[in-house]
C-alpha atoms as a PDB file:
ATOM      1  CA  UNK A   1      -0.230   0.024  -0.159  1.00  0.00           C
ATOM      2  CA  UNK A   2       2.885   2.148   0.504  1.00  0.00           C
ATOM      3  CA  UNK A   3       3.244   2.229  -3.487  1.00  0.00           C
ATOM      4  CA  UNK A   4      -0.316   3.900  -4.140  1.00  0.00           C
ATOM      5  CA  UNK A   5       0.576   6.980  -1.770  1.00  0.00           C
ATOM      6  CA  UNK A   6       3.456   8.591  -4.055  1.00  0.00           C
ATOM      7  CA  UNK A   7       0.907   8.429  -7.253  1.00  0.00           C
ATOM      8  CA  UNK A   8      -1.934  10.283  -4.970  1.00  0.00           C
ATOM      9  CA  UNK A   9       0.741  12.944  -3.949  1.00  0.00           C
ATOM     10  CA  UNK A  10       1.425  13.289  -7.446  1.00  0.00           C
ATOM     11  CA  UNK A  11      -2.115  13.396  -8.762  1.00  0.00           C
ATOM     12  CA  UNK A  12      -2.607  16.068  -6.106  1.00  0.00           C
ATOM     13  CA  UNK A  13       0.170  18.375  -7.572  1.00  0.00           C
ATOM     14  CA  UNK A  14      -0.944  17.609 -10.842  1.00  0.00           C
ATOM     15  CA  UNK A  15      -4.462  19.260 -10.048  1.00  0.00           C
ATOM     16  CA  UNK A  16      -3.057  22.071  -7.836  1.00  0.00           C
ATOM     17  CA  UNK A  17      -0.716  23.018 -11.011  1.00  0.00           C
ATOM     18  CA  UNK A  18      -3.723  22.816 -13.339  1.00  0.00           C
ATOM     19  CA  UNK A  19      -5.627  25.262 -10.861  1.00  0.00           C
ATOM     20  CA  UNK A  20      -2.897  27.739 -10.465  1.00  0.00           C
ATOM     21  CA  UNK A  21      -2.742  27.901 -14.187  1.00  0.00           C
ATOM     22  CA  UNK A  22      -6.427  28.292 -14.737  1.00  0.00           C
ATOM     23  CA  UNK A  23      -6.312  31.140 -11.947  1.00  0.00           C
ATOM     24  CA  UNK A  24      -3.600  32.654 -13.601  1.00  0.00           C
ATOM     25  CA  UNK A  25      -5.274  32.954 -17.384  1.00  0.00           C
ATOM     26  CA  UNK A  26      -8.555  34.420 -15.350  1.00  0.00           C
ATOM     27  CA  UNK A  27      -9.454  37.997 -17.037  1.00  0.00           C
ATOM     28  CA  UNK A  28      -8.049  40.808 -15.097  1.00  0.00           C
ATOM     29  CA  UNK A  29      -8.235  43.382 -17.677  1.00  0.00           C
ATOM     30  CA  UNK A  30     -11.112  45.647 -18.580  1.00  0.00           C
ATOM     31  CA  UNK A  31     -12.504  46.747 -21.930  1.00  0.00           C
ATOM     32  CA  UNK A  32     -14.267  49.899 -22.905  1.00  0.00           C
ATOM     33  CA  UNK A  33     -16.513  50.229 -25.834  1.00  0.00           C
ATOM     34  CA  UNK A  34     -18.450  52.694 -27.334  1.00  0.00           C
ATOM     35  CA  UNK A  35     -20.030  54.355 -30.183  1.00  0.00           C
ATOM     36  CA  UNK A  36     -20.333  57.914 -31.504  1.00  0.00           C
ATOM     37  CA  UNK A  37     -23.087  59.737 -32.759  1.00  0.00           C
ATOM     38  CA  UNK A  38     -24.628  63.118 -33.218  1.00  0.00           C
ATOM     39  CA  UNK A  39     -28.093  63.982 -31.444  1.00  0.00           C
ATOM     40  CA  UNK A  40     -29.727  62.753 -34.385  1.00  0.00           C
ATOM     41  CA  UNK A  41     -28.608  59.498 -34.056  1.00  0.00           C
ATOM     42  CA  UNK A  42     -25.977  59.685 -37.085  1.00  0.00           C
ATOM     43  CA  UNK A  43     -22.771  57.592 -36.687  1.00  0.00           C
ATOM     44  CA  UNK A  44     -19.762  60.038 -36.494  1.00  0.00           C
ATOM     45  CA  UNK A  45     -16.360  59.128 -37.789  1.00  0.00           C
ATOM     46  CA  UNK A  46     -13.262  60.266 -37.200  1.00  0.00           C
ATOM     47  CA  UNK A  47     -13.556  61.201 -33.297  1.00  0.00           C
ATOM     48  CA  UNK A  48     -10.412  61.249 -31.306  1.00  0.00           C
ATOM     49  CA  UNK A  49     -11.508  59.317 -27.890  1.00  0.00           C
ATOM     50  CA  UNK A  50      -8.939  59.151 -25.153  1.00  0.00           C
ATOM     51  CA  UNK A  51      -9.168  57.885 -21.509  1.00  0.00           C
ATOM     52  CA  UNK A  52      -7.110  59.106 -18.883  1.00  0.00           C
ATOM     53  CA  UNK A  53      -6.356  57.258 -15.274  1.00  0.00           C
ATOM     54  CA  UNK A  54      -3.884  56.826 -12.924  1.00  0.00           C
ATOM     55  CA  UNK A  55      -3.997  53.061 -13.527  1.00  0.00           C
ATOM     56  CA  UNK A  56      -2.473  53.504 -17.093  1.00  0.00           C
ATOM     57  CA  UNK A  57       1.207  53.424 -17.170  1.00  0.00           C
ATOM     58  CA  UNK A  58       1.172  56.197 -19.967  1.00  0.00           C
ATOM     59  CA  UNK A  59      -1.587  58.340 -18.066  1.00  0.00           C
ATOM     60  CA  UNK A  60      -3.917  58.061 -21.070  1.00  0.00           C
ATOM     61  CA  UNK A  61      -4.771  56.513 -24.566  1.00  0.00           C
ATOM     62  CA  UNK A  62      -6.004  57.798 -27.660  1.00  0.00           C
ATOM     63  CA  UNK A  63      -8.098  55.785 -30.511  1.00  0.00           C
ATOM     64  CA  UNK A  64     -10.098  57.477 -33.448  1.00  0.00           C
ATOM     65  CA  UNK A  65     -13.940  55.950 -34.003  1.00  0.00           C
ATOM     66  CA  UNK A  66     -14.094  53.797 -37.438  1.00  0.00           C
ATOM     67  CA  UNK A  67     -16.593  54.802 -40.021  1.00  0.00           C
ATOM     68  CA  UNK A  68     -19.496  53.117 -37.956  1.00  0.00           C
ATOM     69  CA  UNK A  69     -18.478  55.608 -34.964  1.00  0.00           C
ATOM     70  CA  UNK A  70     -17.424  52.659 -33.090  1.00  0.00           C
ATOM     71  CA  UNK A  71     -14.097  52.853 -30.888  1.00  0.00           C
ATOM     72  CA  UNK A  72     -12.553  50.255 -28.304  1.00  0.00           C
ATOM     73  CA  UNK A  73      -9.948  50.414 -25.596  1.00  0.00           C
ATOM     74  CA  UNK A  74      -8.694  46.583 -24.675  1.00  0.00           C
ATOM     75  CA  UNK A  75      -6.456  45.550 -22.015  1.00  0.00           C
ATOM     76  CA  UNK A  76      -7.021  48.551 -19.721  1.00  0.00           C
ATOM     77  CA  UNK A  77      -6.082  47.794 -15.851  1.00  0.00           C
ATOM     78  CA  UNK A  78      -9.017  48.162 -13.425  1.00  0.00           C
ATOM     79  CA  UNK A  79      -9.349  51.854 -12.288  1.00  0.00           C
ATOM     80  CA  UNK A  80     -11.261  55.022 -12.389  1.00  0.00           C
ATOM     81  CA  UNK A  81     -11.250  56.611 -15.978  1.00  0.00           C
ATOM     82  CA  UNK A  82     -12.184  59.720 -17.545  1.00  0.00           C
ATOM     83  CA  UNK A  83     -13.249  59.516 -21.031  1.00  0.00           C
ATOM     84  CA  UNK A  84     -13.472  62.559 -23.639  1.00  0.00           C
ATOM     85  CA  UNK A  85     -14.128  62.930 -27.148  1.00  0.00           C
ATOM     86  CA  UNK A  86     -13.129  65.606 -29.687  1.00  0.00           C
ATOM     87  CA  UNK A  87     -13.671  66.441 -33.310  1.00  0.00           C
ATOM     88  CA  UNK A  88     -13.666  69.789 -34.981  1.00  0.00           C
ATOM     89  CA  UNK A  89     -16.827  71.291 -35.532  1.00  0.00           C
ATOM     90  CA  UNK A  90     -18.282  69.559 -32.387  1.00  0.00           C
ATOM     91  CA  UNK A  91     -18.513  70.671 -28.702  1.00  0.00           C
ATOM     92  CA  UNK A  92     -15.977  68.442 -26.694  1.00  0.00           C
ATOM     93  CA  UNK A  93     -17.722  65.463 -24.923  1.00  0.00           C
ATOM     94  CA  UNK A  94     -16.496  64.854 -21.318  1.00  0.00           C
ATOM     95  CA  UNK A  95     -17.443  61.763 -19.162  1.00  0.00           C
ATOM     96  CA  UNK A  96     -15.130  61.532 -15.593  1.00  0.00           C
ATOM     97  CA  UNK A  97     -15.474  58.797 -12.999  1.00  0.00           C
ATOM     98  CA  UNK A  98     -16.061  55.597 -14.810  1.00  0.00           C
ATOM     99  CA  UNK A  99     -15.255  52.936 -12.196  1.00  0.00           C
ATOM    100  CA  UNK A 100     -14.218  49.531 -13.380  1.00  0.00           C
ATOM    101  CA  UNK A 101     -13.213  46.225 -11.964  1.00  0.00           C
ATOM    102  CA  UNK A 102     -11.245  43.025 -12.833  1.00  0.00           C
ATOM    103  CA  UNK A 103     -12.949  41.887 -15.731  1.00  0.00           C
ATOM    104  CA  UNK A 104     -15.642  44.264 -16.470  1.00  0.00           C
ATOM    105  CA  UNK A 105     -16.737  45.334 -19.879  1.00  0.00           C
ATOM    106  CA  UNK A 106     -18.646  48.490 -20.447  1.00  0.00           C
ATOM    107  CA  UNK A 107     -20.154  50.313 -23.583  1.00  0.00           C
ATOM    108  CA  UNK A 108     -20.386  53.945 -23.510  1.00  0.00           C
ATOM    109  CA  UNK A 109     -22.776  55.967 -25.908  1.00  0.00           C
ATOM    110  CA  UNK A 110     -20.872  59.525 -26.914  1.00  0.00           C
ATOM    111  CA  UNK A 111     -23.530  62.176 -28.139  1.00  0.00           C
ATOM    112  CA  UNK A 112     -21.645  65.032 -30.063  1.00  0.00           C
ATOM    113  CA  UNK A 113     -23.087  68.139 -30.563  1.00  0.00           C
ATOM    114  CA  UNK A 114     -22.205  70.546 -33.166  1.00  0.00           C
ATOM    115  CA  UNK A 115     -20.576  73.835 -32.055  1.00  0.00           C
ATOM    116  CA  UNK A 116     -21.430  76.954 -32.796  1.00  0.00           C
ATOM    117  CA  UNK A 117     -19.665  78.026 -36.286  1.00  0.00           C
ATOM    118  CA  UNK A 118     -18.424  81.672 -36.663  1.00  0.00           C
ATOM    119  CA  UNK A 119     -16.581  83.254 -39.114  1.00  0.00           C
ATOM    120  CA  UNK A 120     -15.644  86.656 -39.361  1.00  0.00           C
ATOM    121  CA  UNK A 121     -14.699  88.229 -42.840  1.00  0.00           C
ATOM    122  CA  UNK A 122     -13.620  91.886 -43.721  1.00  0.00           C
ATOM    123  CA  UNK A 123     -13.663  93.239 -47.277  1.00  0.00           C
ATOM    124  CA  UNK A 124     -12.028  96.201 -48.243  1.00  0.00           C
ATOM    125  CA  UNK A 125     -12.295  97.870 -51.746  1.00  0.00           C
ATOM    126  CA  UNK A 126     -12.342 101.792 -53.323  1.00  0.00           C
ATOM    127  CA  UNK A 127     -15.815 102.478 -54.063  1.00  0.00           C
ATOM    128  CA  UNK A 128     -16.028 104.119 -57.664  1.00  0.00           C
ATOM    129  CA  UNK A 129     -16.386 107.832 -57.633  1.00  0.00           C
ATOM    130  CA  UNK A 130     -20.260 108.054 -58.832  1.00  0.00           C
ATOM    131  CA  UNK A 131     -22.470 111.506 -58.993  1.00  0.00           C
ATOM    132  CA  UNK A 132     -25.561 110.333 -57.610  1.00  0.00           C
ATOM    133  CA  UNK A 133     -27.195 113.789 -57.600  1.00  0.00           C
ATOM    134  CA  UNK A 134     -27.555 114.363 -61.236  1.00  0.00           C
ATOM    135  CA  UNK A 135     -28.332 112.150 -64.170  1.00  0.00           C
ATOM    136  CA  UNK A 136     -26.482 113.482 -67.208  1.00  0.00           C
ATOM    137  CA  UNK A 137     -24.806 111.123 -70.142  1.00  0.00           C
ATOM    138  CA  UNK A 138     -21.743 112.909 -71.636  1.00  0.00           C
ATOM    139  CA  UNK A 139     -18.986 111.875 -73.753  1.00  0.00           C
ATOM    140  CA  UNK A 140     -15.970 113.412 -74.240  1.00  0.00           C
ATOM    141  CA  UNK A 141     -13.919 113.468 -77.521  1.00  0.00           C
ATOM    142  CA  UNK A 142     -10.195 114.158 -77.912  1.00  0.00           C
ATOM    143  CA  UNK A 143      -8.945 116.749 -79.999  1.00  0.00           C
ATOM    144  CA  UNK A 144      -7.510 114.341 -82.354  1.00  0.00           C
ATOM    145  CA  UNK A 145     -10.900 112.508 -83.101  1.00  0.00           C
ATOM    146  CA  UNK A 146     -12.416 115.531 -83.993  1.00  0.00           C
ATOM    147  CA  UNK A 147      -9.853 116.278 -86.651  1.00  0.00           C
ATOM    148  CA  UNK A 148     -10.176 113.167 -88.693  1.00  0.00           C
ATOM    149  CA  UNK A 149     -14.075 113.679 -88.376  1.00  0.00           C
ATOM    150  CA  UNK A 150     -15.189 115.168 -91.649  1.00  0.00           C
ATOM    151  CA  UNK A 151     -18.993 115.843 -92.693  1.00  0.00           C
ATOM    152  CA  UNK A 152     -20.443 114.380 -95.990  1.00  0.00           C
ATOM    153  CA  UNK A 153     -21.743 117.688 -97.060  1.00  0.00           C
ATOM    154  CA  UNK A 154     -20.428 120.608 -96.919  1.00  0.00           C
ATOM    155  CA  UNK A 155     -23.239 123.141 -97.595  1.00  0.00           C
ATOM    156  CA  UNK A 156     -26.414 122.296 -95.745  1.00  0.00           C
ATOM    157  CA  UNK A 157     -28.657 124.443 -98.051  1.00  0.00           C
ATOM    158  CA  UNK A 158     -27.974 122.008-100.792  1.00  0.00           C
ATOM    159  CA  UNK A 159     -30.395 119.129-101.538  1.00  0.00           C
ATOM    160  CA  UNK A 160     -28.986 116.656-103.449  1.00  0.00           C
END
């Protein structure tokens, strides 16, 4: 019977190693996904979405929404996150205090509102001089053109 105890001990060690391996492979990361839309419901591509957290090694991460307005942050450590979304022509979107624990997956709906568009234009030009008090039409000929002009008849009394 002493020969069976080493087999039982070996089986116990193998079971413990498999259990430890399974625990090591457990998901501890968090995932943030989302969609950027306008208030009308249209999807907005090309939006820079950023997250900030002290839990991140770099402090922040950035992604750009795809053609369907979707974005994904994978393999994030658990912690508290602040999310911002920014695109030219729209108000900046901020959401802070997103608390995520190990294994959490969250989906965030970002609604971007168009910002007020203002443009200033200055036109500078010299106005032509116009006399708006009289309605006279006049033409001035230079002296050289009057010398070249010859009437057809020299006498006005002749009717030929």
